[in-house]
Amino acid sequence: MRPLPSPLPMVAARVNGEDIPVRNVAIMVEESIELGRVSESRRNALYREALEHLIRRELLLQEAQTRGVKADDLEVQRAYDQMRGRHKDEQAWRDFLKSRSLDDEKLRTEIRIRHTVQALLAVEGAKHTPTATDEEIQALYDSTDASQFQTAAPPSPGASPAPASPGAKPPLGLVKEFLRQEIVRRKFADATERYIESLQARASIERFL
């Protein structure tokens, strides 16, 4: 992985004329390292992965604004209250905000952006009603390793769960609903990816990392 510019530029990328500050990328990277999601050795790669995430999010935010899609105010407030409630007192809350290079207003803005993007994706998702055919379910069942089914099939009402046999798959009937949901989830994910790619295709994107 090629090294990052040194020193880092103030602007990590520009999307249709809107800057993505490198500070926003750094916050995501440091949080992931702090939470143990990735190792320090992957810092360079993580910077670019975080940047791509923010570019995609900026594209979705701009599209939402163009189409007049907005976040639900009550959901935004609820998300803020939940985050605030995880900190025992005002000092702990201020320390948390400082550790993320945020203040109260910036945090509220960040939460609203996330919910605005989710609202747009929900609007797009409503255009699709993916289903899973029996053939697709059977194909996924056949291609899925037995270990993936360890928590997929709940026991029948009143029955005790039987220990899984190493290498053995549960009967298709027990995991059919799990497989159906997984197929639908993948189709939604594919549709979302195609939608984002369509936004990228007509956008002006400059990357500086």
N, C-alpha and C. Protein backbone atom coordinates (compact mmCIF):
# COMPACT_ATOMS: atom_id res chain seq x y z
N MET A 1 0.86 -1.19 0.00
CA MET A 1 0.00 0.00 0.00
C MET A 1 0.89 1.24 0.00
N ARG A 2 0.70 2.12 -0.97
CA ARG A 2 1.54 3.32 -1.04
C ARG A 2 1.36 4.18 0.20
N PRO A 3 2.41 4.88 0.60
CA PRO A 3 2.33 5.68 1.82
C PRO A 3 1.40 6.86 1.65
N LEU A 4 0.93 7.39 2.78
CA LEU A 4 0.10 8.59 2.76
C LEU A 4 0.98 9.81 2.54
N PRO A 5 0.42 10.88 1.99
CA PRO A 5 1.20 12.12 1.85
C PRO A 5 1.67 12.61 3.22
N SER A 6 2.84 13.22 3.25
CA SER A 6 3.36 13.76 4.51
C SER A 6 3.88 15.17 4.25
N PRO A 7 3.32 16.16 4.90
CA PRO A 7 2.21 16.05 5.86
C PRO A 7 0.89 15.79 5.14
N LEU A 8 -0.11 15.35 5.92
CA LEU A 8 -1.42 15.11 5.34
C LEU A 8 -2.04 16.43 4.89
N PRO A 9 -2.72 16.42 3.74
CA PRO A 9 -3.40 17.65 3.30
C PRO A 9 -4.59 17.96 4.20
N MET A 10 -4.99 19.20 4.22
CA MET A 10 -6.15 19.59 5.01
C MET A 10 -7.43 18.98 4.44
N VAL A 11 -7.47 18.84 3.11
CA VAL A 11 -8.65 18.31 2.43
C VAL A 11 -8.29 16.93 1.88
N ALA A 12 -9.05 15.91 2.27
CA ALA A 12 -8.77 14.54 1.84
C ALA A 12 -9.36 14.25 0.47
N ALA A 13 -10.50 14.88 0.17
CA ALA A 13 -11.16 14.67 -1.11
C ALA A 13 -12.14 15.80 -1.35
N ARG A 14 -12.56 15.92 -2.62
CA ARG A 14 -13.56 16.93 -2.97
C ARG A 14 -14.62 16.24 -3.83
N VAL A 15 -15.88 16.36 -3.41
CA VAL A 15 -16.99 15.69 -4.09
C VAL A 15 -17.95 16.74 -4.61
N ASN A 16 -18.00 16.88 -5.91
CA ASN A 16 -18.86 17.90 -6.54
C ASN A 16 -18.63 19.27 -5.90
N GLY A 17 -17.36 19.56 -5.63
CA GLY A 17 -17.00 20.87 -5.08
C GLY A 17 -17.04 20.96 -3.58
N GLU A 18 -17.54 19.93 -2.89
CA GLU A 18 -17.63 19.93 -1.43
C GLU A 18 -16.41 19.22 -0.83
N ASP A 19 -15.74 19.88 0.09
CA ASP A 19 -14.54 19.31 0.70
C ASP A 19 -14.88 18.27 1.76
N ILE A 20 -14.06 17.23 1.81
CA ILE A 20 -14.08 16.27 2.91
C ILE A 20 -12.78 16.49 3.69
N PRO A 21 -12.84 17.12 4.86
CA PRO A 21 -11.62 17.41 5.63
C PRO A 21 -10.90 16.12 6.04
N VAL A 22 -9.58 16.17 6.02
CA VAL A 22 -8.82 14.99 6.44
C VAL A 22 -9.08 14.70 7.91
N ARG A 23 -9.47 15.73 8.68
CA ARG A 23 -9.81 15.54 10.09
C ARG A 23 -10.93 14.51 10.26
N ASN A 24 -11.93 14.56 9.38
CA ASN A 24 -13.04 13.61 9.46
C ASN A 24 -12.56 12.18 9.21
N VAL A 25 -11.62 12.05 8.28
CA VAL A 25 -11.07 10.73 7.99
C VAL A 25 -10.28 10.22 9.19
N ALA A 26 -9.46 11.09 9.75
CA ALA A 26 -8.62 10.71 10.89
C ALA A 26 -9.46 10.28 12.08
N ILE A 27 -10.57 10.95 12.31
CA ILE A 27 -11.44 10.58 13.44
C ILE A 27 -11.93 9.15 13.27
N MET A 28 -12.35 8.78 12.05
CA MET A 28 -12.82 7.42 11.81
C MET A 28 -11.71 6.41 12.01
N VAL A 29 -10.52 6.75 11.54
CA VAL A 29 -9.39 5.83 11.65
C VAL A 29 -9.01 5.60 13.11
N GLU A 30 -8.85 6.69 13.86
CA GLU A 30 -8.43 6.56 15.25
C GLU A 30 -9.48 5.83 16.08
N GLU A 31 -10.75 6.06 15.77
CA GLU A 31 -11.80 5.36 16.51
C GLU A 31 -11.75 3.86 16.26
N SER A 32 -11.50 3.47 15.00
CA SER A 32 -11.43 2.05 14.68
C SER A 32 -10.25 1.39 15.35
N ILE A 33 -9.10 2.06 15.38
CA ILE A 33 -7.92 1.52 16.05
C ILE A 33 -8.16 1.44 17.55
N GLU A 34 -8.77 2.50 18.10
CA GLU A 34 -9.03 2.56 19.53
C GLU A 34 -9.96 1.43 19.98
N LEU A 35 -10.94 1.11 19.15
CA LEU A 35 -11.90 0.07 19.49
C LEU A 35 -11.39 -1.33 19.15
N GLY A 36 -10.18 -1.41 18.62
CA GLY A 36 -9.58 -2.71 18.32
C GLY A 36 -10.10 -3.37 17.07
N ARG A 37 -10.75 -2.58 16.19
CA ARG A 37 -11.28 -3.18 14.96
C ARG A 37 -10.17 -3.50 13.96
N VAL A 38 -9.10 -2.72 13.99
CA VAL A 38 -7.97 -2.94 13.08
C VAL A 38 -6.69 -2.68 13.84
N SER A 39 -5.59 -3.15 13.28
CA SER A 39 -4.30 -2.96 13.92
C SER A 39 -3.66 -1.66 13.42
N GLU A 40 -2.70 -1.18 14.20
CA GLU A 40 -1.98 0.04 13.85
C GLU A 40 -1.28 -0.11 12.49
N SER A 41 -0.86 -1.33 12.15
CA SER A 41 -0.12 -1.55 10.91
C SER A 41 -0.96 -1.31 9.66
N ARG A 42 -2.28 -1.29 9.82
CA ARG A 42 -3.15 -1.07 8.67
C ARG A 42 -3.58 0.39 8.53
N ARG A 43 -2.88 1.28 9.21
CA ARG A 43 -3.32 2.68 9.24
C ARG A 43 -3.46 3.26 7.83
N ASN A 44 -2.47 3.08 6.97
CA ASN A 44 -2.53 3.66 5.62
C ASN A 44 -3.75 3.17 4.86
N ALA A 45 -3.95 1.84 4.88
CA ALA A 45 -5.09 1.27 4.18
C ALA A 45 -6.39 1.78 4.78
N LEU A 46 -6.41 1.91 6.10
CA LEU A 46 -7.63 2.32 6.78
C LEU A 46 -7.98 3.76 6.43
N TYR A 47 -6.98 4.61 6.28
CA TYR A 47 -7.25 5.99 5.87
C TYR A 47 -8.00 6.01 4.54
N ARG A 48 -7.54 5.20 3.62
CA ARG A 48 -8.18 5.23 2.29
C ARG A 48 -9.55 4.54 2.31
N GLU A 49 -9.69 3.52 3.13
CA GLU A 49 -11.01 2.88 3.26
C GLU A 49 -12.01 3.86 3.89
N ALA A 50 -11.56 4.58 4.92
CA ALA A 50 -12.42 5.55 5.57
C ALA A 50 -12.78 6.68 4.60
N LEU A 51 -11.82 7.08 3.79
CA LEU A 51 -12.08 8.14 2.81
C LEU A 51 -13.15 7.70 1.82
N GLU A 52 -13.04 6.46 1.33
CA GLU A 52 -14.04 5.98 0.38
C GLU A 52 -15.43 5.95 1.01
N HIS A 53 -15.49 5.58 2.28
CA HIS A 53 -16.77 5.57 2.98
C HIS A 53 -17.35 6.99 3.04
N LEU A 54 -16.51 7.97 3.34
CA LEU A 54 -16.99 9.34 3.45
C LEU A 54 -17.36 9.92 2.09
N ILE A 55 -16.66 9.51 1.04
CA ILE A 55 -17.02 9.96 -0.31
C ILE A 55 -18.40 9.44 -0.67
N ARG A 56 -18.64 8.18 -0.43
CA ARG A 56 -19.94 7.60 -0.73
C ARG A 56 -21.04 8.28 0.09
N ARG A 57 -20.73 8.54 1.36
CA ARG A 57 -21.73 9.18 2.21
C ARG A 57 -22.03 10.60 1.73
N GLU A 58 -20.99 11.32 1.29
CA GLU A 58 -21.20 12.68 0.79
C GLU A 58 -22.06 12.66 -0.48
N LEU A 59 -21.83 11.70 -1.33
CA LEU A 59 -22.66 11.57 -2.54
C LEU A 59 -24.13 11.35 -2.19
N LEU A 60 -24.36 10.48 -1.22
CA LEU A 60 -25.73 10.20 -0.80
C LEU A 60 -26.36 11.42 -0.12
N LEU A 61 -25.58 12.13 0.68
CA LEU A 61 -26.10 13.32 1.34
C LEU A 61 -26.48 14.38 0.31
N GLN A 62 -25.62 14.61 -0.66
CA GLN A 62 -25.93 15.59 -1.69
C GLN A 62 -27.18 15.21 -2.48
N GLU A 63 -27.31 13.92 -2.78
CA GLU A 63 -28.49 13.46 -3.51
C GLU A 63 -29.75 13.64 -2.66
N ALA A 64 -29.65 13.35 -1.37
CA ALA A 64 -30.80 13.55 -0.49
C ALA A 64 -31.21 15.01 -0.45
N GLN A 65 -30.24 15.91 -0.38
CA GLN A 65 -30.54 17.33 -0.35
C GLN A 65 -31.18 17.78 -1.66
N THR A 66 -30.68 17.26 -2.78
CA THR A 66 -31.25 17.60 -4.08
C THR A 66 -32.70 17.15 -4.18
N ARG A 67 -32.98 15.98 -3.64
CA ARG A 67 -34.33 15.42 -3.73
C ARG A 67 -35.25 15.82 -2.59
N GLY A 68 -34.72 16.59 -1.65
CA GLY A 68 -35.54 17.04 -0.54
C GLY A 68 -35.84 15.97 0.49
N VAL A 69 -34.99 14.93 0.55
CA VAL A 69 -35.16 13.88 1.55
C VAL A 69 -34.49 14.33 2.84
N LYS A 70 -35.23 14.27 3.95
CA LYS A 70 -34.71 14.75 5.22
C LYS A 70 -34.78 13.68 6.30
N ALA A 71 -33.94 13.86 7.30
CA ALA A 71 -33.96 12.96 8.46
C ALA A 71 -35.16 13.28 9.32
N ASP A 72 -35.65 12.28 10.04
CA ASP A 72 -36.73 12.48 10.99
C ASP A 72 -36.17 13.14 12.25
N ASP A 73 -36.73 14.29 12.62
CA ASP A 73 -36.21 15.05 13.76
C ASP A 73 -36.25 14.23 15.05
N LEU A 74 -37.31 13.48 15.24
CA LEU A 74 -37.43 12.69 16.47
C LEU A 74 -36.38 11.59 16.52
N GLU A 75 -36.10 10.97 15.37
CA GLU A 75 -35.08 9.93 15.33
C GLU A 75 -33.69 10.51 15.61
N VAL A 76 -33.44 11.70 15.07
CA VAL A 76 -32.16 12.35 15.31
C VAL A 76 -32.00 12.66 16.80
N GLN A 77 -33.04 13.21 17.42
CA GLN A 77 -32.97 13.53 18.84
C GLN A 77 -32.82 12.27 19.68
N ARG A 78 -33.52 11.21 19.29
CA ARG A 78 -33.43 9.95 20.04
C ARG A 78 -32.00 9.39 19.97
N ALA A 79 -31.39 9.46 18.79
CA ALA A 79 -30.03 8.96 18.64
C ALA A 79 -29.05 9.78 19.48
N TYR A 80 -29.26 11.09 19.50
CA TYR A 80 -28.40 11.96 20.33
C TYR A 80 -28.57 11.61 21.81
N ASP A 81 -29.81 11.47 22.24
CA ASP A 81 -30.07 11.17 23.66
C ASP A 81 -29.46 9.83 24.07
N GLN A 82 -29.54 8.84 23.18
CA GLN A 82 -28.96 7.54 23.49
C GLN A 82 -27.44 7.64 23.66
N MET A 83 -26.81 8.40 22.76
CA MET A 83 -25.36 8.57 22.85
C MET A 83 -24.99 9.33 24.12
N ARG A 84 -25.75 10.38 24.40
CA ARG A 84 -25.48 11.19 25.60
C ARG A 84 -25.68 10.36 26.87
N GLY A 85 -26.65 9.47 26.86
CA GLY A 85 -26.96 8.67 28.03
C GLY A 85 -25.90 7.65 28.38
N ARG A 86 -24.97 7.37 27.47
CA ARG A 86 -23.92 6.39 27.75
C ARG A 86 -22.80 6.99 28.60
N HIS A 87 -22.87 8.27 28.88
CA HIS A 87 -21.81 8.94 29.64
C HIS A 87 -22.38 9.42 30.97
N LYS A 88 -21.68 9.12 32.05
CA LYS A 88 -22.24 9.24 33.39
C LYS A 88 -22.46 10.67 33.86
N ASP A 89 -21.65 11.61 33.34
CA ASP A 89 -21.81 12.99 33.78
C ASP A 89 -21.34 13.94 32.68
N GLU A 90 -21.46 15.22 32.96
CA GLU A 90 -21.13 16.24 31.95
C GLU A 90 -19.66 16.20 31.57
N GLN A 91 -18.79 15.96 32.55
CA GLN A 91 -17.36 15.92 32.26
C GLN A 91 -17.02 14.75 31.33
N ALA A 92 -17.61 13.58 31.60
CA ALA A 92 -17.38 12.42 30.74
C ALA A 92 -17.87 12.70 29.33
N TRP A 93 -18.97 13.41 29.24
CA TRP A 93 -19.52 13.76 27.92
C TRP A 93 -18.59 14.71 27.17
N ARG A 94 -18.08 15.72 27.88
CA ARG A 94 -17.15 16.66 27.24
C ARG A 94 -15.87 15.96 26.82
N ASP A 95 -15.39 15.04 27.64
CA ASP A 95 -14.18 14.29 27.30
C ASP A 95 -14.41 13.45 26.04
N PHE A 96 -15.58 12.85 25.95
CA PHE A 96 -15.90 12.05 24.76
C PHE A 96 -15.91 12.92 23.51
N LEU A 97 -16.58 14.06 23.58
CA LEU A 97 -16.63 14.94 22.42
C LEU A 97 -15.24 15.41 22.02
N LYS A 98 -14.43 15.75 23.01
CA LYS A 98 -13.07 16.21 22.71
C LYS A 98 -12.25 15.11 22.05
N SER A 99 -12.43 13.87 22.50
CA SER A 99 -11.67 12.75 21.93
C SER A 99 -12.02 12.52 20.46
N ARG A 100 -13.19 13.00 20.04
CA ARG A 100 -13.63 12.84 18.65
C ARG A 100 -13.51 14.14 17.87
N SER A 101 -12.86 15.14 18.46
CA SER A 101 -12.72 16.46 17.83
C SER A 101 -14.08 17.03 17.46
N LEU A 102 -15.04 16.87 18.37
CA LEU A 102 -16.40 17.33 18.14
C LEU A 102 -16.82 18.27 19.26
N ASP A 103 -17.85 19.06 18.98
CA ASP A 103 -18.58 19.73 20.04
C ASP A 103 -20.04 19.29 19.89
N ASP A 104 -20.90 19.80 20.76
CA ASP A 104 -22.28 19.33 20.75
C ASP A 104 -22.96 19.59 19.41
N GLU A 105 -22.74 20.76 18.86
CA GLU A 105 -23.38 21.11 17.58
C GLU A 105 -22.89 20.23 16.44
N LYS A 106 -21.57 19.99 16.40
CA LYS A 106 -21.01 19.16 15.34
C LYS A 106 -21.52 17.72 15.44
N LEU A 107 -21.68 17.25 16.68
CA LEU A 107 -22.19 15.89 16.85
C LEU A 107 -23.63 15.80 16.34
N ARG A 108 -24.44 16.78 16.66
CA ARG A 108 -25.83 16.77 16.18
C ARG A 108 -25.86 16.79 14.65
N THR A 109 -24.96 17.57 14.05
CA THR A 109 -24.89 17.62 12.59
C THR A 109 -24.50 16.26 12.03
N GLU A 110 -23.53 15.62 12.67
CA GLU A 110 -23.08 14.30 12.23
C GLU A 110 -24.22 13.29 12.31
N ILE A 111 -24.96 13.30 13.39
CA ILE A 111 -26.09 12.37 13.54
C ILE A 111 -27.15 12.63 12.48
N ARG A 112 -27.41 13.91 12.21
CA ARG A 112 -28.42 14.25 11.20
C ARG A 112 -27.97 13.77 9.81
N ILE A 113 -26.69 13.90 9.51
CA ILE A 113 -26.19 13.42 8.22
C ILE A 113 -26.43 11.93 8.09
N ARG A 114 -26.09 11.18 9.13
CA ARG A 114 -26.27 9.72 9.08
C ARG A 114 -27.74 9.36 8.84
N HIS A 115 -28.63 10.04 9.53
CA HIS A 115 -30.04 9.72 9.40
C HIS A 115 -30.61 10.20 8.07
N THR A 116 -30.05 11.27 7.52
CA THR A 116 -30.48 11.73 6.20
C THR A 116 -30.10 10.71 5.14
N VAL A 117 -28.88 10.19 5.23
CA VAL A 117 -28.43 9.16 4.28
C VAL A 117 -29.29 7.91 4.42
N GLN A 118 -29.59 7.51 5.65
CA GLN A 118 -30.44 6.34 5.87
C GLN A 118 -31.83 6.56 5.29
N ALA A 119 -32.34 7.78 5.41
CA ALA A 119 -33.67 8.08 4.87
C ALA A 119 -33.67 7.96 3.35
N LEU A 120 -32.61 8.44 2.70
CA LEU A 120 -32.52 8.32 1.24
C LEU A 120 -32.46 6.86 0.82
N LEU A 121 -31.65 6.06 1.52
CA LEU A 121 -31.53 4.65 1.18
C LEU A 121 -32.86 3.92 1.41
N ALA A 122 -33.61 4.36 2.41
CA ALA A 122 -34.92 3.76 2.66
C ALA A 122 -35.87 4.08 1.51
N VAL A 123 -35.81 5.31 1.00
CA VAL A 123 -36.64 5.69 -0.14
C VAL A 123 -36.29 4.84 -1.35
N GLU A 124 -34.99 4.67 -1.59
CA GLU A 124 -34.55 3.85 -2.72
C GLU A 124 -34.92 2.39 -2.51
N GLY A 125 -34.76 1.91 -1.26
CA GLY A 125 -35.08 0.52 -0.97
C GLY A 125 -36.54 0.21 -1.20
N ALA A 126 -37.41 1.20 -0.97
CA ALA A 126 -38.85 0.98 -1.15
C ALA A 126 -39.22 0.72 -2.61
N LYS A 127 -38.30 1.07 -3.51
CA LYS A 127 -38.56 0.84 -4.94
C LYS A 127 -38.35 -0.63 -5.31
N HIS A 128 -37.72 -1.36 -4.42
CA HIS A 128 -37.38 -2.76 -4.71
C HIS A 128 -38.13 -3.69 -3.75
N THR A 129 -38.64 -4.74 -4.27
CA THR A 129 -39.30 -5.77 -3.44
C THR A 129 -38.69 -7.12 -3.77
N PRO A 130 -37.43 -7.31 -3.39
CA PRO A 130 -36.76 -8.57 -3.73
C PRO A 130 -37.38 -9.76 -3.03
N THR A 131 -37.38 -10.86 -3.70
CA THR A 131 -37.87 -12.11 -3.13
C THR A 131 -36.81 -13.19 -3.32
N ALA A 132 -37.02 -14.31 -2.70
CA ALA A 132 -36.10 -15.44 -2.83
C ALA A 132 -36.90 -16.65 -3.31
N THR A 133 -36.51 -17.19 -4.44
CA THR A 133 -37.19 -18.37 -4.95
C THR A 133 -36.70 -19.62 -4.25
N ASP A 134 -37.45 -20.70 -4.37
CA ASP A 134 -37.02 -21.97 -3.79
C ASP A 134 -35.70 -22.42 -4.38
N GLU A 135 -35.52 -22.14 -5.67
CA GLU A 135 -34.26 -22.52 -6.34
C GLU A 135 -33.08 -21.75 -5.74
N GLU A 136 -33.27 -20.46 -5.49
CA GLU A 136 -32.19 -19.65 -4.90
C GLU A 136 -31.89 -20.10 -3.48
N ILE A 137 -32.93 -20.44 -2.74
CA ILE A 137 -32.73 -20.91 -1.37
C ILE A 137 -31.97 -22.23 -1.37
N GLN A 138 -32.34 -23.13 -2.25
CA GLN A 138 -31.65 -24.42 -2.33
C GLN A 138 -30.19 -24.23 -2.72
N ALA A 139 -29.95 -23.33 -3.68
CA ALA A 139 -28.57 -23.09 -4.13
C ALA A 139 -27.72 -22.52 -3.00
N LEU A 140 -28.28 -21.60 -2.22
CA LEU A 140 -27.52 -21.03 -1.10
C LEU A 140 -27.29 -22.07 -0.03
N TYR A 141 -28.29 -22.89 0.23
CA TYR A 141 -28.14 -23.98 1.21
C TYR A 141 -27.01 -24.92 0.79
N ASP A 142 -26.98 -25.28 -0.47
CA ASP A 142 -25.96 -26.22 -0.96
C ASP A 142 -24.56 -25.63 -0.89
N SER A 143 -24.46 -24.31 -1.08
CA SER A 143 -23.13 -23.69 -1.15
C SER A 143 -22.63 -23.16 0.19
N THR A 144 -23.46 -23.23 1.23
CA THR A 144 -23.09 -22.70 2.54
C THR A 144 -22.49 -23.78 3.42
N ASP A 145 -21.35 -23.46 4.03
CA ASP A 145 -20.69 -24.41 4.91
C ASP A 145 -21.54 -24.68 6.15
N ALA A 146 -21.48 -25.90 6.66
CA ALA A 146 -22.30 -26.29 7.81
C ALA A 146 -22.07 -25.40 9.02
N SER A 147 -20.83 -24.89 9.19
CA SER A 147 -20.53 -24.07 10.37
C SER A 147 -21.33 -22.78 10.39
N GLN A 148 -21.77 -22.32 9.22
CA GLN A 148 -22.53 -21.08 9.15
C GLN A 148 -23.94 -21.22 9.69
N PHE A 149 -24.38 -22.43 9.91
CA PHE A 149 -25.74 -22.67 10.37
C PHE A 149 -25.83 -22.89 11.88
N GLN A 150 -24.75 -22.72 12.60
CA GLN A 150 -24.74 -23.05 14.02
C GLN A 150 -25.79 -22.28 14.80
N THR A 151 -26.03 -21.01 14.43
CA THR A 151 -27.03 -20.20 15.14
C THR A 151 -28.20 -19.83 14.26
N ALA A 152 -28.27 -20.43 13.07
CA ALA A 152 -29.31 -20.04 12.12
C ALA A 152 -30.64 -20.74 12.37
N ALA A 153 -30.62 -21.92 12.95
CA ALA A 153 -31.84 -22.72 13.08
C ALA A 153 -32.25 -22.84 14.54
N PRO A 154 -33.25 -22.09 14.98
CA PRO A 154 -33.72 -22.22 16.36
C PRO A 154 -34.44 -23.54 16.56
N PRO A 155 -34.45 -24.06 17.78
CA PRO A 155 -35.14 -25.32 18.01
C PRO A 155 -36.64 -25.15 17.90
N SER A 156 -37.34 -26.24 17.69
CA SER A 156 -38.80 -26.21 17.64
C SER A 156 -39.33 -25.82 19.01
N PRO A 157 -40.53 -25.18 19.07
CA PRO A 157 -41.09 -24.77 20.37
C PRO A 157 -41.15 -25.94 21.34
N GLY A 158 -40.62 -25.73 22.55
CA GLY A 158 -40.67 -26.76 23.57
C GLY A 158 -39.56 -27.78 23.49
N ALA A 159 -38.74 -27.70 22.46
CA ALA A 159 -37.68 -28.69 22.29
C ALA A 159 -36.34 -28.10 22.70
N SER A 160 -35.47 -28.94 23.21
CA SER A 160 -34.13 -28.49 23.57
C SER A 160 -33.25 -28.54 22.33
N PRO A 161 -32.39 -27.55 22.16
CA PRO A 161 -31.52 -27.57 20.98
C PRO A 161 -30.56 -28.75 21.03
N ALA A 162 -30.49 -29.45 19.94
CA ALA A 162 -29.58 -30.60 19.87
C ALA A 162 -28.19 -30.12 19.51
N PRO A 163 -27.16 -30.73 20.07
CA PRO A 163 -25.81 -30.31 19.71
C PRO A 163 -25.55 -30.55 18.24
N ALA A 164 -24.88 -29.59 17.61
CA ALA A 164 -24.62 -29.71 16.18
C ALA A 164 -23.57 -30.79 15.93
N SER A 165 -23.81 -31.58 14.92
CA SER A 165 -22.84 -32.59 14.53
C SER A 165 -21.79 -31.92 13.66
N PRO A 166 -20.50 -32.14 13.97
CA PRO A 166 -19.45 -31.52 13.17
C PRO A 166 -19.61 -31.87 11.69
N GLY A 167 -19.64 -30.85 10.85
CA GLY A 167 -19.73 -31.08 9.42
C GLY A 167 -21.12 -31.37 8.91
N ALA A 168 -22.12 -31.43 9.79
CA ALA A 168 -23.48 -31.75 9.34
C ALA A 168 -24.32 -30.49 9.26
N LYS A 169 -25.09 -30.38 8.20
CA LYS A 169 -26.01 -29.25 8.06
C LYS A 169 -27.35 -29.61 8.67
N PRO A 170 -28.04 -28.61 9.23
CA PRO A 170 -29.41 -28.87 9.70
C PRO A 170 -30.31 -29.09 8.48
N PRO A 171 -31.45 -29.72 8.66
CA PRO A 171 -32.37 -29.90 7.54
C PRO A 171 -32.74 -28.55 6.93
N LEU A 172 -32.95 -28.53 5.63
CA LEU A 172 -33.27 -27.30 4.93
C LEU A 172 -34.48 -26.61 5.55
N GLY A 173 -35.47 -27.38 5.95
CA GLY A 173 -36.69 -26.78 6.49
C GLY A 173 -36.43 -25.91 7.71
N LEU A 174 -35.42 -26.27 8.51
CA LEU A 174 -35.12 -25.50 9.72
C LEU A 174 -34.45 -24.17 9.43
N VAL A 175 -33.75 -24.09 8.33
CA VAL A 175 -32.99 -22.86 8.03
C VAL A 175 -33.52 -22.13 6.80
N LYS A 176 -34.63 -22.56 6.28
CA LYS A 176 -35.16 -21.97 5.05
C LYS A 176 -35.44 -20.48 5.22
N GLU A 177 -36.04 -20.07 6.35
CA GLU A 177 -36.37 -18.67 6.56
C GLU A 177 -35.09 -17.84 6.72
N PHE A 178 -34.12 -18.39 7.41
CA PHE A 178 -32.83 -17.72 7.54
C PHE A 178 -32.20 -17.48 6.17
N LEU A 179 -32.24 -18.49 5.31
CA LEU A 179 -31.68 -18.37 3.97
C LEU A 179 -32.46 -17.37 3.13
N ARG A 180 -33.78 -17.39 3.26
CA ARG A 180 -34.61 -16.45 2.50
C ARG A 180 -34.25 -15.02 2.87
N GLN A 181 -34.12 -14.75 4.17
CA GLN A 181 -33.78 -13.40 4.62
C GLN A 181 -32.39 -12.98 4.14
N GLU A 182 -31.47 -13.92 4.13
CA GLU A 182 -30.11 -13.62 3.68
C GLU A 182 -30.10 -13.27 2.19
N ILE A 183 -30.86 -13.99 1.39
CA ILE A 183 -30.93 -13.71 -0.05
C ILE A 183 -31.53 -12.33 -0.29
N VAL A 184 -32.61 -12.02 0.42
CA VAL A 184 -33.24 -10.71 0.28
C VAL A 184 -32.28 -9.61 0.71
N ARG A 185 -31.56 -9.84 1.82
CA ARG A 185 -30.58 -8.85 2.29
C ARG A 185 -29.51 -8.60 1.24
N ARG A 186 -29.02 -9.66 0.62
CA ARG A 186 -27.98 -9.51 -0.40
C ARG A 186 -28.51 -8.75 -1.61
N LYS A 187 -29.74 -9.00 -1.98
CA LYS A 187 -30.32 -8.30 -3.14
C LYS A 187 -30.49 -6.82 -2.84
N PHE A 188 -30.91 -6.51 -1.63
CA PHE A 188 -31.00 -5.11 -1.23
C PHE A 188 -29.62 -4.46 -1.28
N ALA A 189 -28.61 -5.17 -0.75
CA ALA A 189 -27.25 -4.63 -0.73
C ALA A 189 -26.74 -4.40 -2.15
N ASP A 190 -27.02 -5.34 -3.05
CA ASP A 190 -26.60 -5.18 -4.44
C ASP A 190 -27.28 -3.98 -5.09
N ALA A 191 -28.57 -3.81 -4.81
CA ALA A 191 -29.31 -2.67 -5.38
C ALA A 191 -28.74 -1.35 -4.85
N THR A 192 -28.40 -1.32 -3.56
CA THR A 192 -27.82 -0.12 -2.97
C THR A 192 -26.47 0.19 -3.60
N GLU A 193 -25.66 -0.85 -3.81
CA GLU A 193 -24.35 -0.65 -4.41
C GLU A 193 -24.48 -0.11 -5.83
N ARG A 194 -25.41 -0.63 -6.59
CA ARG A 194 -25.61 -0.14 -7.96
C ARG A 194 -26.06 1.32 -7.95
N TYR A 195 -26.89 1.66 -6.97
CA TYR A 195 -27.37 3.04 -6.88
C TYR A 195 -26.21 3.99 -6.58
N ILE A 196 -25.36 3.61 -5.62
CA ILE A 196 -24.22 4.45 -5.29
C ILE A 196 -23.26 4.56 -6.47
N GLU A 197 -23.06 3.47 -7.18
CA GLU A 197 -22.20 3.50 -8.36
C GLU A 197 -22.75 4.45 -9.42
N SER A 198 -24.07 4.52 -9.54
CA SER A 198 -24.67 5.44 -10.51
C SER A 198 -24.43 6.89 -10.11
N LEU A 199 -24.42 7.16 -8.80
CA LEU A 199 -24.12 8.51 -8.33
C LEU A 199 -22.65 8.84 -8.58
N GLN A 200 -21.76 7.88 -8.34
CA GLN A 200 -20.34 8.10 -8.57
C GLN A 200 -20.04 8.36 -10.04
N ALA A 201 -20.77 7.67 -10.92
CA ALA A 201 -20.50 7.77 -12.36
C ALA A 201 -20.72 9.17 -12.89
N ARG A 202 -21.63 9.91 -12.28
CA ARG A 202 -21.91 11.26 -12.78
C ARG A 202 -21.40 12.36 -11.84
N ALA A 203 -20.57 11.97 -10.87
CA ALA A 203 -20.04 12.94 -9.92
C ALA A 203 -18.63 13.35 -10.28
N SER A 204 -18.23 14.53 -9.77
CA SER A 204 -16.84 14.96 -9.87
C SER A 204 -16.17 14.67 -8.53
N ILE A 205 -15.21 13.74 -8.53
CA ILE A 205 -14.56 13.31 -7.29
C ILE A 205 -13.05 13.47 -7.43
N GLU A 206 -12.45 14.21 -6.52
CA GLU A 206 -11.00 14.37 -6.47
C GLU A 206 -10.51 13.80 -5.14
N ARG A 207 -9.50 12.95 -5.20
CA ARG A 207 -8.91 12.36 -3.99
C ARG A 207 -7.49 12.87 -3.80
N PHE A 208 -7.16 13.19 -2.57
CA PHE A 208 -5.84 13.77 -2.28
C PHE A 208 -5.02 12.92 -1.32
N LEU A 209 -5.47 11.72 -1.02
CA LEU A 209 -4.70 10.80 -0.16
C LEU A 209 -4.16 9.65 -0.99
